[in-house]
Amino acid sequence: MSLSLEAALAELRGLQVTLNEAAAEAQEVEEGDEAEWLAQRLLEPDYCTRLSVADLGGALAVDYRGSEYEGWGEFLDLLGRPGVARHIVQLRISGPDEGANGLKEWDFAPLIEADPDFSRLRAFQVAISDPGDHNQACITDGQLPALIARMPALRTLELPQAPEPGFFALDLSELRRIRTGGDWDTRGFVGHLAEATRLPALGFIDFADSSAPFMSLQSAQASEWDSTPFADYERLFRSPVLERAWGIRLRNTRLTEAEYRALAAIRPKCQFSVVLASPHVYVSHWGTSDFPYRHLLPFG
């Protein structure tokens, strides 16, 4: 089905009314109480789901900010309608720090099933959690390869976690930049990236290692929950992937100064930087749990 740019823009902008109605329905607002509910809702505008759409001149940039529950299904339904997705060149998804059981989980199953045409999408970004957030943002396990397979022209990719190994079987010939947030499972990202053969244009990598070692003194429940070993980083730095890249940023890696310097020596012309921003911990937990909080106190 062919849908004009103007028609797609109108449908996306019209969705805001539906999002507002979905919020009222979820809160079970009774007839006659709408005005009072709306007044209370607008006291916390950051928790109001909203959709922003910009016509960049022949293509659309779409920003969804809100709940992964209220309105999320309606948003995915619209993206999955024939003719809408093919006009989008940038898609950004974010929301406030809220969720369930410490997770803010984005479930893309309905969109994957709809099989939309994202052939023009250049930038796909799902917001990464701040180290101080209570809820860890994530995309439902196993969905990323199938989702990104529908975005063959991507140049920029930002994800709240490292993608599954199936990601590296995709042909992403135009991908220039990738950034991953750090949850507990690295999914072997660095080791798989070292062997990657289908990312010929990748120029910058921003990878956050596992947060699990900062959360507990206990041994990792699985090897994927532990920090990436130096051997994997060394293989990556010696690989053709890093030979082509102009820069790499590593976050929360558990390497020594000597290991960092050894990596830099392998690729002296590559812009290599390190960020240490470990997850937050409630002060009330200090000394009462196995959280290794001493690394948060560099000044004593």
C-alpha atoms as a PDB file:
ATOM      1  CA  MET A   1       0.000   0.000   0.000  1.00  0.00           C
ATOM      2  CA  SER A   2       1.336   3.411  -0.969  1.00  0.00           C
ATOM      3  CA  LEU A   3       0.951   6.202   1.569  1.00  0.00           C
ATOM      4  CA  SER A   4       2.115   9.738   0.867  1.00  0.00           C
ATOM      5  CA  LEU A   5       4.484  11.567   3.175  1.00  0.00           C
ATOM      6  CA  GLU A   6       1.724  14.013   4.057  1.00  0.00           C
ATOM      7  CA  ALA A   7      -0.678  11.203   4.940  1.00  0.00           C
ATOM      8  CA  ALA A   8       1.918   9.425   7.091  1.00  0.00           C
ATOM      9  CA  LEU A   9       2.716  12.695   8.870  1.00  0.00           C
ATOM     10  CA  ALA A  10      -0.968  13.319   9.560  1.00  0.00           C
ATOM     11  CA  GLU A  11      -1.464   9.819  10.968  1.00  0.00           C
ATOM     12  CA  LEU A  12       1.521  10.115  13.283  1.00  0.00           C
ATOM     13  CA  ARG A  13       0.519  13.552  14.546  1.00  0.00           C
ATOM     14  CA  GLY A  14      -3.042  12.370  15.057  1.00  0.00           C
ATOM     15  CA  LEU A  15      -1.853   9.568  17.314  1.00  0.00           C
ATOM     16  CA  GLN A  16      -1.356  11.973  20.238  1.00  0.00           C
ATOM     17  CA  VAL A  17      -5.126  12.097  20.783  1.00  0.00           C
ATOM     18  CA  THR A  18      -5.163   8.305  20.943  1.00  0.00           C
ATOM     19  CA  LEU A  19      -2.261   8.310  23.417  1.00  0.00           C
ATOM     20  CA  ASN A  20      -4.130  10.705  25.698  1.00  0.00           C
ATOM     21  CA  GLU A  21      -7.242   8.540  25.515  1.00  0.00           C
ATOM     22  CA  ALA A  22      -5.207   5.420  26.273  1.00  0.00           C
ATOM     23  CA  ALA A  23      -3.802   7.063  29.401  1.00  0.00           C
ATOM     24  CA  ALA A  24      -7.292   7.971  30.627  1.00  0.00           C
ATOM     25  CA  GLU A  25      -8.540   4.459  29.936  1.00  0.00           C
ATOM     26  CA  ALA A  26      -5.608   2.887  31.772  1.00  0.00           C
ATOM     27  CA  GLN A  27      -6.332   5.038  34.826  1.00  0.00           C
ATOM     28  CA  GLU A  28     -10.041   4.153  34.624  1.00  0.00           C
ATOM     29  CA  VAL A  29     -11.136   7.798  34.668  1.00  0.00           C
ATOM     30  CA  GLU A  30     -14.890   7.944  35.193  1.00  0.00           C
ATOM     31  CA  GLU A  31     -17.241  10.142  33.207  1.00  0.00           C
ATOM     32  CA  GLY A  32     -17.381  13.621  34.703  1.00  0.00           C
ATOM     33  CA  ASP A  33     -13.927  13.349  36.294  1.00  0.00           C
ATOM     34  CA  GLU A  34     -11.950  14.042  33.135  1.00  0.00           C
ATOM     35  CA  ALA A  35     -11.121  17.681  33.920  1.00  0.00           C
ATOM     36  CA  GLU A  36      -9.831  16.904  37.409  1.00  0.00           C
ATOM     37  CA  TRP A  37      -7.800  13.958  36.132  1.00  0.00           C
ATOM     38  CA  LEU A  38      -6.284  16.053  33.349  1.00  0.00           C
ATOM     39  CA  ALA A  39      -5.323  18.818  35.789  1.00  0.00           C
ATOM     40  CA  GLN A  40      -3.548  16.311  38.030  1.00  0.00           C
ATOM     41  CA  ARG A  41      -1.867  14.637  35.068  1.00  0.00           C
ATOM     42  CA  LEU A  42      -0.403  17.885  33.818  1.00  0.00           C
ATOM     43  CA  LEU A  43       1.334  18.461  37.146  1.00  0.00           C
ATOM     44  CA  GLU A  44       3.812  15.760  36.044  1.00  0.00           C
ATOM     45  CA  PRO A  45       4.178  16.365  32.286  1.00  0.00           C
ATOM     46  CA  ASP A  46       7.279  14.188  32.036  1.00  0.00           C
ATOM     47  CA  TYR A  47       5.052  11.185  32.723  1.00  0.00           C
ATOM     48  CA  CYS A  48       2.652  12.082  29.914  1.00  0.00           C
ATOM     49  CA  THR A  49       3.296   9.937  26.872  1.00  0.00           C
ATOM     50  CA  ARG A  50       3.927  12.098  23.831  1.00  0.00           C
ATOM     51  CA  LEU A  51       4.811  11.687  20.186  1.00  0.00           C
ATOM     52  CA  SER A  52       6.852  14.277  18.311  1.00  0.00           C
ATOM     53  CA  VAL A  53       7.134  14.203  14.538  1.00  0.00           C
ATOM     54  CA  ALA A  54       9.259  16.487  12.362  1.00  0.00           C
ATOM     55  CA  ASP A  55       9.142  16.765   8.589  1.00  0.00           C
ATOM     56  CA  LEU A  56      12.804  17.061   7.635  1.00  0.00           C
ATOM     57  CA  GLY A  57      11.932  17.793   4.030  1.00  0.00           C
ATOM     58  CA  GLY A  58      11.001  14.576   2.319  1.00  0.00           C
ATOM     59  CA  ALA A  59      11.319  12.282   5.334  1.00  0.00           C
ATOM     60  CA  LEU A  60      10.255  12.107   8.986  1.00  0.00           C
ATOM     61  CA  ALA A  61      11.995  12.079  12.371  1.00  0.00           C
ATOM     62  CA  VAL A  62       9.836  10.424  15.035  1.00  0.00           C
ATOM     63  CA  ASP A  63      10.305  10.652  18.805  1.00  0.00           C
ATOM     64  CA  TYR A  64       8.246   8.580  21.238  1.00  0.00           C
ATOM     65  CA  ARG A  65       8.662   9.453  24.912  1.00  0.00           C
ATOM     66  CA  GLY A  66       6.510   7.766  27.495  1.00  0.00           C
ATOM     67  CA  SER A  67       5.374   4.520  28.994  1.00  0.00           C
ATOM     68  CA  GLU A  68       6.262   1.069  27.738  1.00  0.00           C
ATOM     69  CA  TYR A  69       2.661   0.128  28.592  1.00  0.00           C
ATOM     70  CA  GLU A  70       0.108   2.932  28.198  1.00  0.00           C
ATOM     71  CA  GLY A  71       0.055   3.992  24.554  1.00  0.00           C
ATOM     72  CA  TRP A  72       2.975   1.801  23.525  1.00  0.00           C
ATOM     73  CA  GLY A  73       0.788  -0.720  21.735  1.00  0.00           C
ATOM     74  CA  GLU A  74      -1.041   2.023  19.864  1.00  0.00           C
ATOM     75  CA  PHE A  75       2.282   3.517  18.760  1.00  0.00           C
ATOM     76  CA  LEU A  76       3.575   0.178  17.477  1.00  0.00           C
ATOM     77  CA  ASP A  77       0.292  -0.451  15.669  1.00  0.00           C
ATOM     78  CA  LEU A  78       0.683   2.809  13.779  1.00  0.00           C
ATOM     79  CA  LEU A  79       4.321   2.135  12.876  1.00  0.00           C
ATOM     80  CA  GLY A  80       3.233  -1.230  11.532  1.00  0.00           C
ATOM     81  CA  ARG A  81       0.560   0.170   9.224  1.00  0.00           C
ATOM     82  CA  PRO A  82       1.463  -0.170   5.538  1.00  0.00           C
ATOM     83  CA  GLY A  83       3.198   2.883   4.151  1.00  0.00           C
ATOM     84  CA  VAL A  84       4.082   4.647   7.429  1.00  0.00           C
ATOM     85  CA  ALA A  85       7.519   3.266   8.330  1.00  0.00           C
ATOM     86  CA  ARG A  86       9.054   3.823   4.893  1.00  0.00           C
ATOM     87  CA  HIS A  87       8.895   7.609   5.409  1.00  0.00           C
ATOM     88  CA  ILE A  88      10.869   7.536   8.687  1.00  0.00           C
ATOM     89  CA  VAL A  89      14.624   8.231   8.686  1.00  0.00           C
ATOM     90  CA  GLN A  90      15.067   8.644  12.450  1.00  0.00           C
ATOM     91  CA  LEU A  91      13.242   6.808  15.236  1.00  0.00           C
ATOM     92  CA  ARG A  92      13.983   7.586  18.888  1.00  0.00           C
ATOM     93  CA  ILE A  93      12.330   5.950  21.883  1.00  0.00           C
ATOM     94  CA  SER A  94      12.664   6.960  25.524  1.00  0.00           C
ATOM     95  CA  GLY A  95      10.692   7.339  28.718  1.00  0.00           C
ATOM     96  CA  PRO A  96      10.874   8.368  32.365  1.00  0.00           C
ATOM     97  CA  ASP A  97      12.503   6.166  34.989  1.00  0.00           C
ATOM     98  CA  GLU A  98       9.614   3.821  35.686  1.00  0.00           C
ATOM     99  CA  GLY A  99       9.008   0.129  35.159  1.00  0.00           C
ATOM    100  CA  ALA A 100       8.337  -3.145  36.943  1.00  0.00           C
ATOM    101  CA  ASN A 101      10.710  -5.215  39.084  1.00  0.00           C
ATOM    102  CA  GLY A 102      13.572  -2.859  38.283  1.00  0.00           C
ATOM    103  CA  LEU A 103      13.166  -3.141  34.505  1.00  0.00           C
ATOM    104  CA  LYS A 104      11.866  -0.772  31.855  1.00  0.00           C
ATOM    105  CA  GLU A 105      11.243  -3.298  29.117  1.00  0.00           C
ATOM    106  CA  TRP A 106      10.369  -2.327  25.562  1.00  0.00           C
ATOM    107  CA  ASP A 107       8.539  -5.175  23.800  1.00  0.00           C
ATOM    108  CA  PHE A 108       8.656  -4.884  19.994  1.00  0.00           C
ATOM    109  CA  ALA A 109       6.922  -8.189  19.212  1.00  0.00           C
ATOM    110  CA  PRO A 110       3.843  -6.589  17.545  1.00  0.00           C
ATOM    111  CA  LEU A 111       6.062  -4.431  15.325  1.00  0.00           C
ATOM    112  CA  ILE A 112       8.240  -7.365  14.290  1.00  0.00           C
ATOM    113  CA  GLU A 113       5.128  -9.351  13.406  1.00  0.00           C
ATOM    114  CA  ALA A 114       3.783  -6.456  11.317  1.00  0.00           C
ATOM    115  CA  ASP A 115       7.001  -6.510   9.255  1.00  0.00           C
ATOM    116  CA  PRO A 116       7.124  -2.769   8.440  1.00  0.00           C
ATOM    117  CA  ASP A 117       9.283  -1.259   5.709  1.00  0.00           C
ATOM    118  CA  PHE A 118      12.048   0.651   7.512  1.00  0.00           C
ATOM    119  CA  SER A 119      14.248   0.657   4.419  1.00  0.00           C
ATOM    120  CA  ARG A 120      14.962   4.405   4.740  1.00  0.00           C
ATOM    121  CA  LEU A 121      15.665   4.421   8.479  1.00  0.00           C
ATOM    122  CA  ARG A 122      19.129   5.864   9.159  1.00  0.00           C
ATOM    123  CA  ALA A 123      19.086   6.260  12.944  1.00  0.00           C
ATOM    124  CA  PHE A 124      17.417   3.996  15.522  1.00  0.00           C
ATOM    125  CA  GLN A 125      17.862   4.925  19.162  1.00  0.00           C
ATOM    126  CA  VAL A 126      16.327   3.380  22.281  1.00  0.00           C
ATOM    127  CA  ALA A 127      17.405   5.403  25.314  1.00  0.00           C
ATOM    128  CA  ILE A 128      20.110   3.996  27.571  1.00  0.00           C
ATOM    129  CA  SER A 129      19.583   4.033  31.331  1.00  0.00           C
ATOM    130  CA  ASP A 130      21.369   6.640  33.424  1.00  0.00           C
ATOM    131  CA  PRO A 131      23.604   5.121  36.142  1.00  0.00           C
ATOM    132  CA  GLY A 132      21.272   6.665  38.721  1.00  0.00           C
ATOM    133  CA  ASP A 133      18.052   5.173  37.326  1.00  0.00           C
ATOM    134  CA  HIS A 134      16.131   2.701  39.471  1.00  0.00           C
ATOM    135  CA  ASN A 135      14.854   0.817  36.417  1.00  0.00           C
ATOM    136  CA  GLN A 136      17.158  -0.753  33.837  1.00  0.00           C
ATOM    137  CA  ALA A 137      15.994  -0.045  30.289  1.00  0.00           C
ATOM    138  CA  CYS A 138      16.056  -3.061  27.988  1.00  0.00           C
ATOM    139  CA  ILE A 139      14.524  -4.562  24.866  1.00  0.00           C
ATOM    140  CA  THR A 140      12.853  -7.944  25.287  1.00  0.00           C
ATOM    141  CA  ASP A 141      15.409 -10.730  24.950  1.00  0.00           C
ATOM    142  CA  GLY A 142      15.817 -12.211  21.505  1.00  0.00           C
ATOM    143  CA  GLN A 143      14.038  -9.452  19.578  1.00  0.00           C
ATOM    144  CA  LEU A 144      16.903  -7.271  18.398  1.00  0.00           C
ATOM    145  CA  PRO A 145      18.151  -9.326  15.416  1.00  0.00           C
ATOM    146  CA  ALA A 146      14.636  -9.647  13.967  1.00  0.00           C
ATOM    147  CA  LEU A 147      13.889  -5.967  14.589  1.00  0.00           C
ATOM    148  CA  ILE A 148      17.126  -4.578  13.155  1.00  0.00           C
ATOM    149  CA  ALA A 149      16.858  -6.888  10.147  1.00  0.00           C
ATOM    150  CA  ARG A 150      14.043  -4.596   9.001  1.00  0.00           C
ATOM    151  CA  MET A 151      16.413  -1.588   9.077  1.00  0.00           C
ATOM    152  CA  PRO A 152      19.094  -2.383   6.464  1.00  0.00           C
ATOM    153  CA  ALA A 153      20.129   1.235   5.824  1.00  0.00           C
ATOM    154  CA  LEU A 154      21.004   2.127   9.428  1.00  0.00           C
ATOM    155  CA  ARG A 155      23.953   4.448   9.961  1.00  0.00           C
ATOM    156  CA  THR A 156      23.514   5.059  13.711  1.00  0.00           C
ATOM    157  CA  LEU A 157      22.339   2.515  16.278  1.00  0.00           C
ATOM    158  CA  GLU A 158      21.901   3.109  20.016  1.00  0.00           C
ATOM    159  CA  LEU A 159      20.588   0.337  22.254  1.00  0.00           C
ATOM    160  CA  PRO A 160      20.078  -0.070  26.016  1.00  0.00           C
ATOM    161  CA  GLN A 161      21.905  -3.410  25.926  1.00  0.00           C
ATOM    162  CA  ALA A 162      24.286  -5.345  23.718  1.00  0.00           C
ATOM    163  CA  PRO A 163      22.483  -7.202  20.915  1.00  0.00           C
ATOM    164  CA  GLU A 164      22.291 -10.974  20.649  1.00  0.00           C
ATOM    165  CA  PRO A 165      24.788 -12.900  18.456  1.00  0.00           C
ATOM    166  CA  GLY A 166      22.240 -13.034  15.617  1.00  0.00           C
ATOM    167  CA  PHE A 167      22.853  -9.317  15.095  1.00  0.00           C
ATOM    168  CA  PHE A 168      26.206 -10.124  13.495  1.00  0.00           C
ATOM    169  CA  ALA A 169      24.557 -12.232  10.797  1.00  0.00           C
ATOM    170  CA  LEU A 170      22.788  -9.130   9.447  1.00  0.00           C
ATOM    171  CA  ASP A 171      24.087  -7.171   6.477  1.00  0.00           C
ATOM    172  CA  LEU A 172      24.426  -3.620   7.806  1.00  0.00           C
ATOM    173  CA  SER A 173      26.732  -2.227   5.172  1.00  0.00           C
ATOM    174  CA  GLU A 174      26.090   1.427   6.052  1.00  0.00           C
ATOM    175  CA  LEU A 175      26.289   1.269   9.854  1.00  0.00           C
ATOM    176  CA  ARG A 176      28.775   3.932  11.008  1.00  0.00           C
ATOM    177  CA  ARG A 177      28.207   4.151  14.757  1.00  0.00           C
ATOM    178  CA  ILE A 178      26.944   1.805  17.441  1.00  0.00           C
ATOM    179  CA  ARG A 179      26.441   2.447  21.142  1.00  0.00           C
ATOM    180  CA  THR A 180      25.233  -0.116  23.653  1.00  0.00           C
ATOM    181  CA  GLY A 181      24.203   0.401  27.252  1.00  0.00           C
ATOM    182  CA  GLY A 182      25.337  -1.998  29.926  1.00  0.00           C
ATOM    183  CA  ASP A 183      22.900  -4.325  31.625  1.00  0.00           C
ATOM    184  CA  TRP A 184      23.974  -7.571  33.285  1.00  0.00           C
ATOM    185  CA  ASP A 185      24.508  -9.671  30.167  1.00  0.00           C
ATOM    186  CA  THR A 186      27.170  -8.739  27.608  1.00  0.00           C
ATOM    187  CA  ARG A 187      25.906 -11.465  25.224  1.00  0.00           C
ATOM    188  CA  GLY A 188      29.514 -11.948  24.169  1.00  0.00           C
ATOM    189  CA  PHE A 189      29.341  -8.697  22.198  1.00  0.00           C
ATOM    190  CA  VAL A 190      33.056  -7.894  22.048  1.00  0.00           C
ATOM    191  CA  GLY A 191      34.059 -11.416  21.050  1.00  0.00           C
ATOM    192  CA  HIS A 192      31.425 -11.527  18.319  1.00  0.00           C
ATOM    193  CA  LEU A 193      32.372  -8.052  17.090  1.00  0.00           C
ATOM    194  CA  ALA A 194      35.987  -9.173  16.748  1.00  0.00           C
ATOM    195  CA  GLU A 195      34.796 -11.792  14.241  1.00  0.00           C
ATOM    196  CA  ALA A 196      32.278  -9.559  12.432  1.00  0.00           C
ATOM    197  CA  THR A 197      32.419  -9.510   8.631  1.00  0.00           C
ATOM    198  CA  ARG A 198      29.223  -7.639   7.748  1.00  0.00           C
ATOM    199  CA  LEU A 199      29.919  -4.202   9.222  1.00  0.00           C
ATOM    200  CA  PRO A 200      32.343  -2.747   6.667  1.00  0.00           C
ATOM    201  CA  ALA A 201      31.558   0.924   7.379  1.00  0.00           C
ATOM    202  CA  LEU A 202      31.624   0.789  11.194  1.00  0.00           C
ATOM    203  CA  GLY A 203      33.738   3.717  12.357  1.00  0.00           C
ATOM    204  CA  PHE A 204      32.909   4.235  16.040  1.00  0.00           C
ATOM    205  CA  ILE A 205      32.030   1.793  18.823  1.00  0.00           C
ATOM    206  CA  ASP A 206      30.734   2.802  22.257  1.00  0.00           C
ATOM    207  CA  PHE A 207      30.357  -0.301  24.428  1.00  0.00           C
ATOM    208  CA  ALA A 208      29.303  -0.558  28.083  1.00  0.00           C
ATOM    209  CA  ASP A 209      30.439  -3.709  29.837  1.00  0.00           C
ATOM    210  CA  SER A 210      28.372  -5.733  32.308  1.00  0.00           C
ATOM    211  CA  SER A 211      27.053  -3.915  35.378  1.00  0.00           C
ATOM    212  CA  ALA A 212      26.850  -7.178  37.354  1.00  0.00           C
ATOM    213  CA  PRO A 213      30.334  -6.943  38.929  1.00  0.00           C
ATOM    214  CA  PHE A 214      29.390  -3.537  40.347  1.00  0.00           C
ATOM    215  CA  MET A 215      26.229  -4.951  41.901  1.00  0.00           C
ATOM    216  CA  SER A 216      27.564  -7.899  43.878  1.00  0.00           C
ATOM    217  CA  LEU A 217      30.696  -9.508  45.257  1.00  0.00           C
ATOM    218  CA  GLN A 218      29.246 -12.908  44.403  1.00  0.00           C
ATOM    219  CA  SER A 219      30.569 -14.784  41.386  1.00  0.00           C
ATOM    220  CA  ALA A 220      28.646 -14.195  38.179  1.00  0.00           C
ATOM    221  CA  GLN A 221      25.655 -16.495  37.659  1.00  0.00           C
ATOM    222  CA  ALA A 222      26.851 -17.128  34.111  1.00  0.00           C
ATOM    223  CA  SER A 223      29.941 -16.190  32.152  1.00  0.00           C
ATOM    224  CA  GLU A 224      27.907 -13.679  30.121  1.00  0.00           C
ATOM    225  CA  TRP A 225      27.110 -11.843  33.363  1.00  0.00           C
ATOM    226  CA  ASP A 226      30.769 -11.236  34.079  1.00  0.00           C
ATOM    227  CA  SER A 227      32.914  -8.479  32.637  1.00  0.00           C
ATOM    228  CA  THR A 228      34.377  -9.010  29.199  1.00  0.00           C
ATOM    229  CA  PRO A 229      37.828 -10.627  29.514  1.00  0.00           C
ATOM    230  CA  PHE A 230      40.930  -8.837  28.288  1.00  0.00           C
ATOM    231  CA  ALA A 231      41.497 -11.577  25.697  1.00  0.00           C
ATOM    232  CA  ASP A 232      38.258 -10.614  23.919  1.00  0.00           C
ATOM    233  CA  TYR A 233      39.218  -6.940  23.887  1.00  0.00           C
ATOM    234  CA  GLU A 234      42.657  -7.823  22.541  1.00  0.00           C
ATOM    235  CA  ARG A 235      41.107  -9.873  19.719  1.00  0.00           C
ATOM    236  CA  LEU A 236      38.841  -6.948  18.853  1.00  0.00           C
ATOM    237  CA  PHE A 237      41.709  -4.461  18.762  1.00  0.00           C
ATOM    238  CA  ARG A 238      43.680  -6.769  16.467  1.00  0.00           C
ATOM    239  CA  SER A 239      40.706  -7.406  14.184  1.00  0.00           C
ATOM    240  CA  PRO A 240      39.917  -5.792  10.804  1.00  0.00           C
ATOM    241  CA  VAL A 241      36.911  -4.163  12.510  1.00  0.00           C
ATOM    242  CA  LEU A 242      39.179  -1.943  14.637  1.00  0.00           C
ATOM    243  CA  GLU A 243      41.656  -1.530  11.810  1.00  0.00           C
ATOM    244  CA  ARG A 244      38.903   0.278   9.880  1.00  0.00           C
ATOM    245  CA  ALA A 245      37.385   2.144  12.848  1.00  0.00           C
ATOM    246  CA  TRP A 246      38.480   5.621  13.854  1.00  0.00           C
ATOM    247  CA  GLY A 247      37.367   5.409  17.493  1.00  0.00           C
ATOM    248  CA  ILE A 248      36.217   3.226  20.374  1.00  0.00           C
ATOM    249  CA  ARG A 249      34.875   4.090  23.825  1.00  0.00           C
ATOM    250  CA  LEU A 250      34.701   1.501  26.599  1.00  0.00           C
ATOM    251  CA  ARG A 251      32.504   1.946  29.664  1.00  0.00           C
ATOM    252  CA  ASN A 252      32.819   0.157  33.011  1.00  0.00           C
ATOM    253  CA  THR A 253      35.378  -2.354  31.823  1.00  0.00           C
ATOM    254  CA  ARG A 254      37.352  -4.195  34.501  1.00  0.00           C
ATOM    255  CA  LEU A 255      40.810  -3.797  33.057  1.00  0.00           C
ATOM    256  CA  THR A 256      44.079  -2.702  34.599  1.00  0.00           C
ATOM    257  CA  GLU A 257      46.035   0.353  33.507  1.00  0.00           C
ATOM    258  CA  ALA A 258      48.560  -1.935  31.847  1.00  0.00           C
ATOM    259  CA  GLU A 259      45.790  -3.649  29.870  1.00  0.00           C
ATOM    260  CA  TYR A 260      44.308  -0.335  28.718  1.00  0.00           C
ATOM    261  CA  ARG A 261      47.745   0.807  27.569  1.00  0.00           C
ATOM    262  CA  ALA A 262      48.371  -2.489  25.805  1.00  0.00           C
ATOM    263  CA  LEU A 263      45.158  -2.067  23.815  1.00  0.00           C
ATOM    264  CA  ALA A 264      46.058   1.509  22.924  1.00  0.00           C
ATOM    265  CA  ALA A 265      49.462   0.349  21.687  1.00  0.00           C
ATOM    266  CA  ILE A 266      47.812  -2.094  19.263  1.00  0.00           C
ATOM    267  CA  ARG A 267      45.882   0.731  17.563  1.00  0.00           C
ATOM    268  CA  PRO A 268      47.815   3.951  18.274  1.00  0.00           C
ATOM    269  CA  LYS A 269      45.903   5.886  15.598  1.00  0.00           C
ATOM    270  CA  CYS A 270      42.481   4.871  16.932  1.00  0.00           C
ATOM    271  CA  GLN A 271      40.758   7.360  19.248  1.00  0.00           C
ATOM    272  CA  PHE A 272      40.433   5.239  22.415  1.00  0.00           C
ATOM    273  CA  SER A 273      38.744   6.513  25.580  1.00  0.00           C
ATOM    274  CA  VAL A 274      37.418   5.039  28.816  1.00  0.00           C
ATOM    275  CA  VAL A 275      34.385   5.982  30.914  1.00  0.00           C
ATOM    276  CA  LEU A 276      33.771   4.755  34.459  1.00  0.00           C
ATOM    277  CA  ALA A 277      30.195   5.439  35.596  1.00  0.00           C
ATOM    278  CA  SER A 278      29.082   2.510  37.713  1.00  0.00           C
ATOM    279  CA  PRO A 279      25.452   1.930  38.785  1.00  0.00           C
ATOM    280  CA  HIS A 280      24.131   3.768  41.812  1.00  0.00           C
ATOM    281  CA  VAL A 281      23.593   2.170  45.218  1.00  0.00           C
ATOM    282  CA  TYR A 282      21.381   3.286  48.077  1.00  0.00           C
ATOM    283  CA  VAL A 283      23.517   4.469  50.992  1.00  0.00           C
ATOM    284  CA  SER A 284      21.244   2.554  53.365  1.00  0.00           C
ATOM    285  CA  HIS A 285      22.572  -0.649  51.771  1.00  0.00           C
ATOM    286  CA  TRP A 286      26.223   0.087  52.506  1.00  0.00           C
ATOM    287  CA  GLY A 287      27.621  -2.531  54.832  1.00  0.00           C
ATOM    288  CA  THR A 288      24.358  -4.511  54.860  1.00  0.00           C
ATOM    289  CA  SER A 289      24.636  -6.237  51.489  1.00  0.00           C
ATOM    290  CA  ASP A 290      27.373  -7.532  49.242  1.00  0.00           C
ATOM    291  CA  PHE A 291      27.304  -4.451  47.012  1.00  0.00           C
ATOM    292  CA  PRO A 292      30.965  -3.426  46.461  1.00  0.00           C
ATOM    293  CA  TYR A 293      30.391   0.270  47.122  1.00  0.00           C
ATOM    294  CA  ARG A 294      33.984   1.207  48.012  1.00  0.00           C
ATOM    295  CA  HIS A 295      34.760   2.044  44.395  1.00  0.00           C
ATOM    296  CA  LEU A 296      32.279   4.928  44.745  1.00  0.00           C
ATOM    297  CA  LEU A 297      34.466   6.573  47.403  1.00  0.00           C
ATOM    298  CA  PRO A 298      37.708   7.561  45.647  1.00  0.00           C
ATOM    299  CA  PHE A 299      38.266  10.411  48.110  1.00  0.00           C
ATOM    300  CA  GLY A 300      37.911   8.248  51.206  1.00  0.00           C
END
